[in-house]
């Protein structure tokens, strides 16, 4: 089943997606309410909503499917790391530590945008990039889960575009912290949340989801990959996120960017030049993931802000003057 959230005439609603359109849940009920109720109850609520008259997709603005309490973004594709390290980092190759355990950072849950929303260039950036990912949504609270246990904690999946300001990111990560402002200005989530049972037929023998992924800019194909090229399946990502702490229903965990052109920076690192060029206002980025759907965002100019003040020169005086 596919769950969506949308806005029409200033009213936000949540519901089920069918071939006929969007079927609203009872007023006031959100997708995160469904997620927290558990998959069986959510499916029952969805089937009940299908009896309601549909609203056409073309008549609404799709919002992110849910408002997650947290968003963790992993870096689970080796091929992506190979290219991006040469472009955004210093040097090349994949560090040995990448293979030891999944790595993630927390990104901004307040910066999520819908499947067809415009995305503004962040202040101070000249090197804007996309990142093609799939995100899993946690369906049950849990702590220190084994991968086998974590498998039952996945509610469903959606597409994630982890937009990146590469010039800001590069500066930040030289301080061995971040990314911060290089990432937290926008992340597209959508177009809807597909429940885990619907994608079960795509699991390969090793538990990976063998979904085709592609991204184009202005109609030109830039990258394509299989989600099953991840270094770890999603249950391992959930298990690692829960080690010594809690994951909660509604949390979003990104796969990290796929390889083979899943972002521009990977291609820049391999080619030694910014080819294709960074995104500019007017560009349209479209991402499709098999079994989930398509998101499409247009880049627009951002706000102009004064430059950030540098740190003031400091003495090492230890007493007041």
C-alpha atoms as a PDB file:
ATOM      1  CA  UNK A   1       0.000   0.000   0.000  1.00  0.00           C
ATOM      2  CA  UNK A   2       1.083   3.572  -0.692  1.00  0.00           C
ATOM      3  CA  UNK A   3       0.431   6.367   1.811  1.00  0.00           C
ATOM      4  CA  UNK A   4       0.678  10.071   0.989  1.00  0.00           C
ATOM      5  CA  UNK A   5       0.223  13.504   2.516  1.00  0.00           C
ATOM      6  CA  UNK A   6      -1.021  16.411   0.427  1.00  0.00           C
ATOM      7  CA  UNK A   7      -2.252  20.000   0.580  1.00  0.00           C
ATOM      8  CA  UNK A   8      -5.203  21.414  -1.319  1.00  0.00           C
ATOM      9  CA  UNK A   9      -6.757  24.846  -0.845  1.00  0.00           C
ATOM     10  CA  UNK A  10      -4.800  25.291   2.370  1.00  0.00           C
ATOM     11  CA  UNK A  11      -5.987  22.021   3.894  1.00  0.00           C
ATOM     12  CA  UNK A  12      -3.518  19.213   4.655  1.00  0.00           C
ATOM     13  CA  UNK A  13      -4.761  15.650   4.411  1.00  0.00           C
ATOM     14  CA  UNK A  14      -3.273  12.182   4.541  1.00  0.00           C
ATOM     15  CA  UNK A  15      -4.455   9.072   2.821  1.00  0.00           C
ATOM     16  CA  UNK A  16      -3.956   6.182   0.451  1.00  0.00           C
ATOM     17  CA  UNK A  17      -2.802   6.280  -3.167  1.00  0.00           C
ATOM     18  CA  UNK A  18      -4.611   4.155  -5.751  1.00  0.00           C
ATOM     19  CA  UNK A  19      -4.763   4.146  -9.550  1.00  0.00           C
ATOM     20  CA  UNK A  20      -7.865   6.320  -9.198  1.00  0.00           C
ATOM     21  CA  UNK A  21      -6.170   8.990  -7.067  1.00  0.00           C
ATOM     22  CA  UNK A  22      -5.876   9.892  -3.399  1.00  0.00           C
ATOM     23  CA  UNK A  23      -8.308   8.579  -0.765  1.00  0.00           C
ATOM     24  CA  UNK A  24      -8.343  10.581   2.465  1.00  0.00           C
ATOM     25  CA  UNK A  25      -8.068   9.110   5.933  1.00  0.00           C
ATOM     26  CA  UNK A  26     -10.385  10.454   8.657  1.00  0.00           C
ATOM     27  CA  UNK A  27      -9.786  14.161   9.297  1.00  0.00           C
ATOM     28  CA  UNK A  28      -6.832  14.867  11.543  1.00  0.00           C
ATOM     29  CA  UNK A  29      -5.176  11.469  11.106  1.00  0.00           C
ATOM     30  CA  UNK A  30      -1.578  11.667   9.843  1.00  0.00           C
ATOM     31  CA  UNK A  31       0.762   9.171   8.244  1.00  0.00           C
ATOM     32  CA  UNK A  32       2.975   9.150  11.298  1.00  0.00           C
ATOM     33  CA  UNK A  33      -0.123   8.200  13.311  1.00  0.00           C
ATOM     34  CA  UNK A  34      -0.517   5.215  10.973  1.00  0.00           C
ATOM     35  CA  UNK A  35       3.147   4.290  11.238  1.00  0.00           C
ATOM     36  CA  UNK A  36       3.007   4.345  15.023  1.00  0.00           C
ATOM     37  CA  UNK A  37      -0.118   2.165  14.990  1.00  0.00           C
ATOM     38  CA  UNK A  38       1.866  -0.664  13.373  1.00  0.00           C
ATOM     39  CA  UNK A  39       1.768  -2.062   9.850  1.00  0.00           C
ATOM     40  CA  UNK A  40      -1.282  -4.370  10.260  1.00  0.00           C
ATOM     41  CA  UNK A  41      -3.410  -1.551  11.703  1.00  0.00           C
ATOM     42  CA  UNK A  42      -2.150   0.883   9.081  1.00  0.00           C
ATOM     43  CA  UNK A  43      -3.056  -1.484   6.261  1.00  0.00           C
ATOM     44  CA  UNK A  44      -6.528  -1.934   7.735  1.00  0.00           C
ATOM     45  CA  UNK A  45      -6.993   1.849   7.927  1.00  0.00           C
ATOM     46  CA  UNK A  46      -5.768   2.183   4.365  1.00  0.00           C
ATOM     47  CA  UNK A  47      -8.201  -0.389   3.034  1.00  0.00           C
ATOM     48  CA  UNK A  48     -11.027   1.420   4.810  1.00  0.00           C
ATOM     49  CA  UNK A  49      -9.965   4.736   3.242  1.00  0.00           C
ATOM     50  CA  UNK A  50     -10.144   3.255  -0.257  1.00  0.00           C
ATOM     51  CA  UNK A  51     -13.940   3.387   0.076  1.00  0.00           C
ATOM     52  CA  UNK A  52     -13.738   7.208   0.077  1.00  0.00           C
ATOM     53  CA  UNK A  53     -14.064   9.163  -3.169  1.00  0.00           C
ATOM     54  CA  UNK A  54     -10.644   9.787  -4.762  1.00  0.00           C
ATOM     55  CA  UNK A  55      -9.015  13.161  -5.340  1.00  0.00           C
ATOM     56  CA  UNK A  56      -6.855  13.489  -8.446  1.00  0.00           C
ATOM     57  CA  UNK A  57      -3.114  13.765  -7.970  1.00  0.00           C
ATOM     58  CA  UNK A  58      -2.996  16.666 -10.408  1.00  0.00           C
ATOM     59  CA  UNK A  59      -5.232  18.798  -8.174  1.00  0.00           C
ATOM     60  CA  UNK A  60      -3.035  18.737  -5.048  1.00  0.00           C
ATOM     61  CA  UNK A  61       0.448  19.564  -3.838  1.00  0.00           C
ATOM     62  CA  UNK A  62       2.212  16.479  -2.530  1.00  0.00           C
ATOM     63  CA  UNK A  63       3.976  17.049   0.790  1.00  0.00           C
ATOM     64  CA  UNK A  64       6.599  14.764   2.336  1.00  0.00           C
ATOM     65  CA  UNK A  65       4.703  11.585   3.243  1.00  0.00           C
ATOM     66  CA  UNK A  66       5.322  12.073   6.966  1.00  0.00           C
ATOM     67  CA  UNK A  67       6.991  14.405   9.470  1.00  0.00           C
ATOM     68  CA  UNK A  68       9.733  12.219  10.941  1.00  0.00           C
ATOM     69  CA  UNK A  69      11.172  12.947  14.385  1.00  0.00           C
ATOM     70  CA  UNK A  70      14.698  12.228  13.103  1.00  0.00           C
ATOM     71  CA  UNK A  71      16.447  11.683   9.778  1.00  0.00           C
ATOM     72  CA  UNK A  72      19.646   9.642   9.662  1.00  0.00           C
ATOM     73  CA  UNK A  73      21.470   9.461   6.343  1.00  0.00           C
ATOM     74  CA  UNK A  74      23.924   6.642   5.752  1.00  0.00           C
ATOM     75  CA  UNK A  75      26.685   6.280   3.167  1.00  0.00           C
ATOM     76  CA  UNK A  76      26.157   2.669   2.133  1.00  0.00           C
ATOM     77  CA  UNK A  77      27.335   2.597  -1.510  1.00  0.00           C
ATOM     78  CA  UNK A  78      31.043   1.928  -2.006  1.00  0.00           C
ATOM     79  CA  UNK A  79      31.039   3.248  -5.576  1.00  0.00           C
ATOM     80  CA  UNK A  80      29.622   6.582  -4.415  1.00  0.00           C
ATOM     81  CA  UNK A  81      32.337   6.921  -1.775  1.00  0.00           C
ATOM     82  CA  UNK A  82      35.087   6.182  -4.320  1.00  0.00           C
ATOM     83  CA  UNK A  83      34.070   9.104  -6.516  1.00  0.00           C
ATOM     84  CA  UNK A  84      32.966  11.637  -3.914  1.00  0.00           C
ATOM     85  CA  UNK A  85      36.095  11.398  -1.760  1.00  0.00           C
ATOM     86  CA  UNK A  86      38.130  12.588  -4.737  1.00  0.00           C
ATOM     87  CA  UNK A  87      35.700  15.457  -5.355  1.00  0.00           C
ATOM     88  CA  UNK A  88      34.616  16.719  -1.921  1.00  0.00           C
ATOM     89  CA  UNK A  89      37.267  15.235   0.353  1.00  0.00           C
ATOM     90  CA  UNK A  90      41.044  15.127   0.118  1.00  0.00           C
ATOM     91  CA  UNK A  91      42.632  12.297  -1.798  1.00  0.00           C
ATOM     92  CA  UNK A  92      40.897   9.255  -3.216  1.00  0.00           C
ATOM     93  CA  UNK A  93      39.878   5.749  -2.416  1.00  0.00           C
ATOM     94  CA  UNK A  94      37.655   4.311   0.279  1.00  0.00           C
ATOM     95  CA  UNK A  95      39.079   4.451   3.797  1.00  0.00           C
ATOM     96  CA  UNK A  96      39.297   1.049   5.567  1.00  0.00           C
ATOM     97  CA  UNK A  97      36.961   2.310   8.293  1.00  0.00           C
ATOM     98  CA  UNK A  98      34.076   2.508   5.797  1.00  0.00           C
ATOM     99  CA  UNK A  99      34.012  -1.294   5.544  1.00  0.00           C
ATOM    100  CA  UNK A 100      33.924  -1.837   9.310  1.00  0.00           C
ATOM    101  CA  UNK A 101      30.417  -0.501  10.025  1.00  0.00           C
ATOM    102  CA  UNK A 102      27.689   1.642   8.406  1.00  0.00           C
ATOM    103  CA  UNK A 103      28.262   5.375   8.885  1.00  0.00           C
ATOM    104  CA  UNK A 104      25.560   8.038   9.063  1.00  0.00           C
ATOM    105  CA  UNK A 105      24.932  11.645  10.013  1.00  0.00           C
ATOM    106  CA  UNK A 106      21.788  13.323  11.328  1.00  0.00           C
ATOM    107  CA  UNK A 107      20.187  15.724   8.879  1.00  0.00           C
ATOM    108  CA  UNK A 108      17.440  18.304   9.303  1.00  0.00           C
ATOM    109  CA  UNK A 109      13.855  16.960   9.597  1.00  0.00           C
ATOM    110  CA  UNK A 110      12.548  20.543   9.294  1.00  0.00           C
ATOM    111  CA  UNK A 111      14.060  20.965   5.814  1.00  0.00           C
ATOM    112  CA  UNK A 112      12.037  18.253   4.079  1.00  0.00           C
ATOM    113  CA  UNK A 113      10.261  19.259   0.856  1.00  0.00           C
ATOM    114  CA  UNK A 114       7.639  17.561  -1.258  1.00  0.00           C
ATOM    115  CA  UNK A 115       7.974  15.494  -4.417  1.00  0.00           C
ATOM    116  CA  UNK A 116       7.352  18.405  -6.799  1.00  0.00           C
ATOM    117  CA  UNK A 117       8.353  21.427  -4.695  1.00  0.00           C
ATOM    118  CA  UNK A 118      10.875  23.987  -5.896  1.00  0.00           C
ATOM    119  CA  UNK A 119      14.285  23.831  -4.212  1.00  0.00           C
ATOM    120  CA  UNK A 120      16.134  27.083  -3.557  1.00  0.00           C
ATOM    121  CA  UNK A 121      19.885  27.401  -3.894  1.00  0.00           C
ATOM    122  CA  UNK A 122      21.211  27.743  -0.319  1.00  0.00           C
ATOM    123  CA  UNK A 123      22.800  31.069   0.680  1.00  0.00           C
ATOM    124  CA  UNK A 124      26.430  31.370  -0.321  1.00  0.00           C
ATOM    125  CA  UNK A 125      26.582  28.251  -2.500  1.00  0.00           C
ATOM    126  CA  UNK A 126      27.668  28.039  -6.129  1.00  0.00           C
ATOM    127  CA  UNK A 127      28.045  24.245  -6.343  1.00  0.00           C
ATOM    128  CA  UNK A 128      24.649  22.604  -5.916  1.00  0.00           C
ATOM    129  CA  UNK A 129      24.233  18.838  -6.309  1.00  0.00           C
ATOM    130  CA  UNK A 130      21.553  16.144  -5.955  1.00  0.00           C
ATOM    131  CA  UNK A 131      21.827  12.721  -4.291  1.00  0.00           C
ATOM    132  CA  UNK A 132      19.656   9.767  -5.342  1.00  0.00           C
ATOM    133  CA  UNK A 133      18.685   7.600  -2.366  1.00  0.00           C
ATOM    134  CA  UNK A 134      15.980   5.359  -0.929  1.00  0.00           C
ATOM    135  CA  UNK A 135      14.910   5.834   2.687  1.00  0.00           C
ATOM    136  CA  UNK A 136      13.420   3.306   5.074  1.00  0.00           C
ATOM    137  CA  UNK A 137      10.827   4.416   7.623  1.00  0.00           C
ATOM    138  CA  UNK A 138      10.947   2.760  11.043  1.00  0.00           C
ATOM    139  CA  UNK A 139       7.646   1.216  12.121  1.00  0.00           C
ATOM    140  CA  UNK A 140       8.377   0.051  15.655  1.00  0.00           C
ATOM    141  CA  UNK A 141      10.415   1.454  18.547  1.00  0.00           C
ATOM    142  CA  UNK A 142      13.485  -0.580  19.392  1.00  0.00           C
ATOM    143  CA  UNK A 143      16.912  -0.559  20.977  1.00  0.00           C
ATOM    144  CA  UNK A 144      20.069  -2.600  20.338  1.00  0.00           C
ATOM    145  CA  UNK A 145      18.294  -4.664  17.721  1.00  0.00           C
ATOM    146  CA  UNK A 146      19.916  -7.532  15.865  1.00  0.00           C
ATOM    147  CA  UNK A 147      19.611  -7.355  12.055  1.00  0.00           C
ATOM    148  CA  UNK A 148      17.010 -10.140  12.176  1.00  0.00           C
ATOM    149  CA  UNK A 149      14.967  -8.192  14.704  1.00  0.00           C
ATOM    150  CA  UNK A 150      15.404  -4.948  12.791  1.00  0.00           C
ATOM    151  CA  UNK A 151      13.912  -6.485   9.648  1.00  0.00           C
ATOM    152  CA  UNK A 152      10.504  -6.505  11.329  1.00  0.00           C
ATOM    153  CA  UNK A 153      10.902  -2.834  12.317  1.00  0.00           C
ATOM    154  CA  UNK A 154      10.769  -1.517   8.734  1.00  0.00           C
ATOM    155  CA  UNK A 155       7.372   0.003   7.958  1.00  0.00           C
ATOM    156  CA  UNK A 156       8.101   1.047   4.396  1.00  0.00           C
ATOM    157  CA  UNK A 157      10.218   2.958   1.894  1.00  0.00           C
ATOM    158  CA  UNK A 158      10.272   6.252   0.029  1.00  0.00           C
ATOM    159  CA  UNK A 159      12.641   8.195  -2.249  1.00  0.00           C
ATOM    160  CA  UNK A 160      15.122  10.621  -0.695  1.00  0.00           C
ATOM    161  CA  UNK A 161      17.016  13.356  -2.546  1.00  0.00           C
ATOM    162  CA  UNK A 162      19.682  14.576  -0.146  1.00  0.00           C
ATOM    163  CA  UNK A 163      20.448  17.896  -1.835  1.00  0.00           C
ATOM    164  CA  UNK A 164      24.049  19.007  -1.261  1.00  0.00           C
ATOM    165  CA  UNK A 165      25.907  22.314  -1.463  1.00  0.00           C
ATOM    166  CA  UNK A 166      29.311  20.872  -2.254  1.00  0.00           C
ATOM    167  CA  UNK A 167      31.317  24.053  -1.739  1.00  0.00           C
ATOM    168  CA  UNK A 168      29.849  24.566   1.734  1.00  0.00           C
ATOM    169  CA  UNK A 169      30.226  20.875   2.539  1.00  0.00           C
ATOM    170  CA  UNK A 170      33.885  20.790   1.517  1.00  0.00           C
ATOM    171  CA  UNK A 171      34.772  23.709   3.802  1.00  0.00           C
ATOM    172  CA  UNK A 172      32.849  22.276   6.739  1.00  0.00           C
ATOM    173  CA  UNK A 173      34.385  18.824   6.525  1.00  0.00           C
ATOM    174  CA  UNK A 174      37.902  20.213   6.600  1.00  0.00           C
ATOM    175  CA  UNK A 175      37.115  20.983  10.248  1.00  0.00           C
ATOM    176  CA  UNK A 176      36.461  17.210  10.672  1.00  0.00           C
ATOM    177  CA  UNK A 177      32.845  17.867  11.578  1.00  0.00           C
ATOM    178  CA  UNK A 178      29.677  17.946   9.553  1.00  0.00           C
ATOM    179  CA  UNK A 179      28.264  18.150   6.994  1.00  0.00           C
ATOM    180  CA  UNK A 180      26.059  20.940   8.311  1.00  0.00           C
ATOM    181  CA  UNK A 181      24.964  23.859   6.111  1.00  0.00           C
ATOM    182  CA  UNK A 182      26.173  21.900   3.120  1.00  0.00           C
ATOM    183  CA  UNK A 183      23.195  19.607   3.656  1.00  0.00           C
ATOM    184  CA  UNK A 184      20.433  20.953   5.875  1.00  0.00           C
ATOM    185  CA  UNK A 185      18.689  23.376   3.500  1.00  0.00           C
ATOM    186  CA  UNK A 186      16.509  20.824   1.646  1.00  0.00           C
ATOM    187  CA  UNK A 187      15.834  17.098   1.350  1.00  0.00           C
ATOM    188  CA  UNK A 188      13.080  15.807  -0.899  1.00  0.00           C
ATOM    189  CA  UNK A 189      11.032  12.938   0.522  1.00  0.00           C
ATOM    190  CA  UNK A 190       8.347  11.255  -1.553  1.00  0.00           C
ATOM    191  CA  UNK A 191       6.296  10.922  -3.554  1.00  0.00           C
ATOM    192  CA  UNK A 192       4.666   8.590  -1.011  1.00  0.00           C
ATOM    193  CA  UNK A 193       5.469   5.910   1.536  1.00  0.00           C
ATOM    194  CA  UNK A 194       5.307   2.373   0.133  1.00  0.00           C
ATOM    195  CA  UNK A 195       4.759  -0.318   2.753  1.00  0.00           C
ATOM    196  CA  UNK A 196       7.405  -2.992   3.149  1.00  0.00           C
ATOM    197  CA  UNK A 197       5.089  -5.843   2.156  1.00  0.00           C
ATOM    198  CA  UNK A 198       4.566  -4.302  -1.279  1.00  0.00           C
ATOM    199  CA  UNK A 199       8.312  -4.366  -2.012  1.00  0.00           C
ATOM    200  CA  UNK A 200       8.962  -7.812  -0.522  1.00  0.00           C
ATOM    201  CA  UNK A 201       9.063  -9.477  -3.999  1.00  0.00           C
ATOM    202  CA  UNK A 202      12.104  -7.348  -4.870  1.00  0.00           C
ATOM    203  CA  UNK A 203      14.319  -8.859  -2.140  1.00  0.00           C
ATOM    204  CA  UNK A 204      17.217 -10.897  -3.501  1.00  0.00           C
ATOM    205  CA  UNK A 205      18.678 -14.005  -1.881  1.00  0.00           C
ATOM    206  CA  UNK A 206      20.880 -11.898   0.426  1.00  0.00           C
ATOM    207  CA  UNK A 207      18.050  -9.683   1.659  1.00  0.00           C
ATOM    208  CA  UNK A 208      18.837  -6.629  -0.482  1.00  0.00           C
ATOM    209  CA  UNK A 209      16.118  -4.773  -2.375  1.00  0.00           C
ATOM    210  CA  UNK A 210      16.874  -5.130  -6.078  1.00  0.00           C
ATOM    211  CA  UNK A 211      15.202  -1.916  -7.245  1.00  0.00           C
ATOM    212  CA  UNK A 212      16.238   0.054 -10.323  1.00  0.00           C
ATOM    213  CA  UNK A 213      17.105   3.700  -9.582  1.00  0.00           C
ATOM    214  CA  UNK A 214      17.699   6.550 -12.035  1.00  0.00           C
ATOM    215  CA  UNK A 215      18.184  10.315 -12.059  1.00  0.00           C
ATOM    216  CA  UNK A 216      18.036  12.842 -14.889  1.00  0.00           C
ATOM    217  CA  UNK A 217      18.627  16.591 -15.198  1.00  0.00           C
ATOM    218  CA  UNK A 218      16.519  18.470 -17.741  1.00  0.00           C
ATOM    219  CA  UNK A 219      15.555  15.174 -19.334  1.00  0.00           C
ATOM    220  CA  UNK A 220      19.114  13.873 -19.736  1.00  0.00           C
ATOM    221  CA  UNK A 221      19.920  10.659 -17.879  1.00  0.00           C
ATOM    222  CA  UNK A 222      22.807  11.244 -15.448  1.00  0.00           C
ATOM    223  CA  UNK A 223      22.916   8.093 -13.327  1.00  0.00           C
ATOM    224  CA  UNK A 224      21.330   4.710 -12.769  1.00  0.00           C
ATOM    225  CA  UNK A 225      22.030   1.910 -10.316  1.00  0.00           C
ATOM    226  CA  UNK A 226      20.470  -0.940  -8.359  1.00  0.00           C
ATOM    227  CA  UNK A 227      19.563  -0.398  -4.718  1.00  0.00           C
ATOM    228  CA  UNK A 228      20.945  -3.886  -4.076  1.00  0.00           C
ATOM    229  CA  UNK A 229      24.472  -2.504  -4.594  1.00  0.00           C
ATOM    230  CA  UNK A 230      24.378  -1.216  -1.006  1.00  0.00           C
ATOM    231  CA  UNK A 231      27.141  -2.524   1.239  1.00  0.00           C
ATOM    232  CA  UNK A 232      24.579  -3.465   3.904  1.00  0.00           C
ATOM    233  CA  UNK A 233      20.843  -4.223   3.680  1.00  0.00           C
ATOM    234  CA  UNK A 234      18.426  -1.900   5.459  1.00  0.00           C
ATOM    235  CA  UNK A 235      18.014  -4.189   8.471  1.00  0.00           C
ATOM    236  CA  UNK A 236      21.739  -3.763   9.157  1.00  0.00           C
ATOM    237  CA  UNK A 237      21.351   0.023   8.981  1.00  0.00           C
ATOM    238  CA  UNK A 238      18.449  -0.058  11.442  1.00  0.00           C
ATOM    239  CA  UNK A 239      20.355  -2.427  13.704  1.00  0.00           C
ATOM    240  CA  UNK A 240      23.403  -0.161  13.737  1.00  0.00           C
ATOM    241  CA  UNK A 241      21.310   2.973  14.340  1.00  0.00           C
ATOM    242  CA  UNK A 242      19.755   1.269  17.377  1.00  0.00           C
ATOM    243  CA  UNK A 243      23.042   0.154  19.001  1.00  0.00           C
ATOM    244  CA  UNK A 244      23.050   1.456  22.563  1.00  0.00           C
ATOM    245  CA  UNK A 245      20.151   3.823  21.895  1.00  0.00           C
ATOM    246  CA  UNK A 246      16.578   3.935  20.591  1.00  0.00           C
ATOM    247  CA  UNK A 247      15.058   4.197  17.169  1.00  0.00           C
ATOM    248  CA  UNK A 248      11.431   5.319  17.139  1.00  0.00           C
ATOM    249  CA  UNK A 249       8.483   4.711  14.840  1.00  0.00           C
ATOM    250  CA  UNK A 250       8.582   7.360  12.136  1.00  0.00           C
ATOM    251  CA  UNK A 251      12.368   7.763  12.066  1.00  0.00           C
ATOM    252  CA  UNK A 252      13.772   7.982   8.525  1.00  0.00           C
ATOM    253  CA  UNK A 253      17.009   6.220   7.548  1.00  0.00           C
ATOM    254  CA  UNK A 254      18.523   7.060   4.156  1.00  0.00           C
ATOM    255  CA  UNK A 255      20.505   4.510   2.180  1.00  0.00           C
ATOM    256  CA  UNK A 256      23.085   7.019   1.121  1.00  0.00           C
ATOM    257  CA  UNK A 257      23.645   7.944  -2.510  1.00  0.00           C
ATOM    258  CA  UNK A 258      23.795   5.172  -5.085  1.00  0.00           C
ATOM    259  CA  UNK A 259      26.734   4.786  -7.432  1.00  0.00           C
ATOM    260  CA  UNK A 260      27.122   5.174 -11.195  1.00  0.00           C
ATOM    261  CA  UNK A 261      26.108   8.847 -11.280  1.00  0.00           C
ATOM    262  CA  UNK A 262      23.805   8.964  -8.277  1.00  0.00           C
ATOM    263  CA  UNK A 263      25.194  12.464  -7.702  1.00  0.00           C
ATOM    264  CA  UNK A 264      27.272  14.924  -9.693  1.00  0.00           C
ATOM    265  CA  UNK A 265      30.157  14.972  -7.216  1.00  0.00           C
ATOM    266  CA  UNK A 266      30.869  11.293  -7.846  1.00  0.00           C
ATOM    267  CA  UNK A 267      31.255  12.021 -11.563  1.00  0.00           C
ATOM    268  CA  UNK A 268      33.384  15.120 -10.873  1.00  0.00           C
ATOM    269  CA  UNK A 269      35.736  13.022  -8.742  1.00  0.00           C
ATOM    270  CA  UNK A 270      36.128  10.400 -11.441  1.00  0.00           C
ATOM    271  CA  UNK A 271      36.494  12.850 -14.337  1.00  0.00           C
ATOM    272  CA  UNK A 272      38.604  15.489 -12.618  1.00  0.00           C
ATOM    273  CA  UNK A 273      36.275  18.304 -13.737  1.00  0.00           C
ATOM    274  CA  UNK A 274      32.778  19.578 -13.054  1.00  0.00           C
ATOM    275  CA  UNK A 275      31.135  17.687 -15.899  1.00  0.00           C
ATOM    276  CA  UNK A 276      28.102  17.771 -15.850  1.00  0.00           C
ATOM    277  CA  UNK A 277      28.099  21.247 -14.283  1.00  0.00           C
ATOM    278  CA  UNK A 278      26.603  22.114 -10.883  1.00  0.00           C
ATOM    279  CA  UNK A 279      22.860  22.678 -10.787  1.00  0.00           C
ATOM    280  CA  UNK A 280      21.553  26.132 -11.635  1.00  0.00           C
ATOM    281  CA  UNK A 281      18.159  27.863 -11.256  1.00  0.00           C
ATOM    282  CA  UNK A 282      15.786  26.495 -13.854  1.00  0.00           C
ATOM    283  CA  UNK A 283      17.245  22.975 -13.827  1.00  0.00           C
ATOM    284  CA  UNK A 284      14.789  20.149 -13.203  1.00  0.00           C
ATOM    285  CA  UNK A 285      15.989  17.046 -11.374  1.00  0.00           C
ATOM    286  CA  UNK A 286      13.884  13.903 -11.731  1.00  0.00           C
ATOM    287  CA  UNK A 287      14.425  10.672  -9.792  1.00  0.00           C
ATOM    288  CA  UNK A 288      12.635   7.352 -10.283  1.00  0.00           C
ATOM    289  CA  UNK A 289      12.871   4.239  -8.138  1.00  0.00           C
ATOM    290  CA  UNK A 290      11.208   1.031  -9.259  1.00  0.00           C
ATOM    291  CA  UNK A 291       8.257   0.061  -7.109  1.00  0.00           C
ATOM    292  CA  UNK A 292       8.131   3.466  -5.391  1.00  0.00           C
ATOM    293  CA  UNK A 293       7.609   6.233  -7.942  1.00  0.00           C
ATOM    294  CA  UNK A 294       9.079   9.500  -9.219  1.00  0.00           C
ATOM    295  CA  UNK A 295      10.012  12.833  -7.652  1.00  0.00           C
ATOM    296  CA  UNK A 296      10.715  15.942  -9.700  1.00  0.00           C
ATOM    297  CA  UNK A 297      12.063  19.253  -8.353  1.00  0.00           C
ATOM    298  CA  UNK A 298      12.990  22.522 -10.027  1.00  0.00           C
ATOM    299  CA  UNK A 299      15.929  24.600  -8.804  1.00  0.00           C
ATOM    300  CA  UNK A 300      15.105  28.258  -8.082  1.00  0.00           C
ATOM    301  CA  UNK A 301      17.236  31.195  -6.858  1.00  0.00           C
ATOM    302  CA  UNK A 302      17.779  31.383  -3.115  1.00  0.00           C
ATOM    303  CA  UNK A 303      17.854  34.306  -0.723  1.00  0.00           C
ATOM    304  CA  UNK A 304      20.818  36.663  -0.742  1.00  0.00           C
ATOM    305  CA  UNK A 305      22.402  36.984   2.701  1.00  0.00           C
ATOM    306  CA  UNK A 306      25.500  38.828   3.943  1.00  0.00           C
ATOM    307  CA  UNK A 307      28.718  36.801   4.119  1.00  0.00           C
ATOM    308  CA  UNK A 308      29.320  34.865   7.323  1.00  0.00           C
ATOM    309  CA  UNK A 309      31.656  36.710   9.705  1.00  0.00           C
ATOM    310  CA  UNK A 310      34.978  34.917  10.248  1.00  0.00           C
ATOM    311  CA  UNK A 311      36.246  34.104  13.722  1.00  0.00           C
ATOM    312  CA  UNK A 312      37.836  37.061  15.510  1.00  0.00           C
ATOM    313  CA  UNK A 313      41.577  36.998  16.190  1.00  0.00           C
ATOM    314  CA  UNK A 314      42.193  35.833  19.725  1.00  0.00           C
ATOM    315  CA  UNK A 315      44.997  36.006  22.185  1.00  0.00           C
ATOM    316  CA  UNK A 316      45.661  33.178  24.616  1.00  0.00           C
ATOM    317  CA  UNK A 317      45.310  35.471  27.611  1.00  0.00           C
ATOM    318  CA  UNK A 318      44.075  33.573  30.694  1.00  0.00           C
ATOM    319  CA  UNK A 319      43.261  36.491  32.972  1.00  0.00           C
ATOM    320  CA  UNK A 320      40.975  39.509  32.602  1.00  0.00           C
ATOM    321  CA  UNK A 321      42.767  42.704  31.620  1.00  0.00           C
END
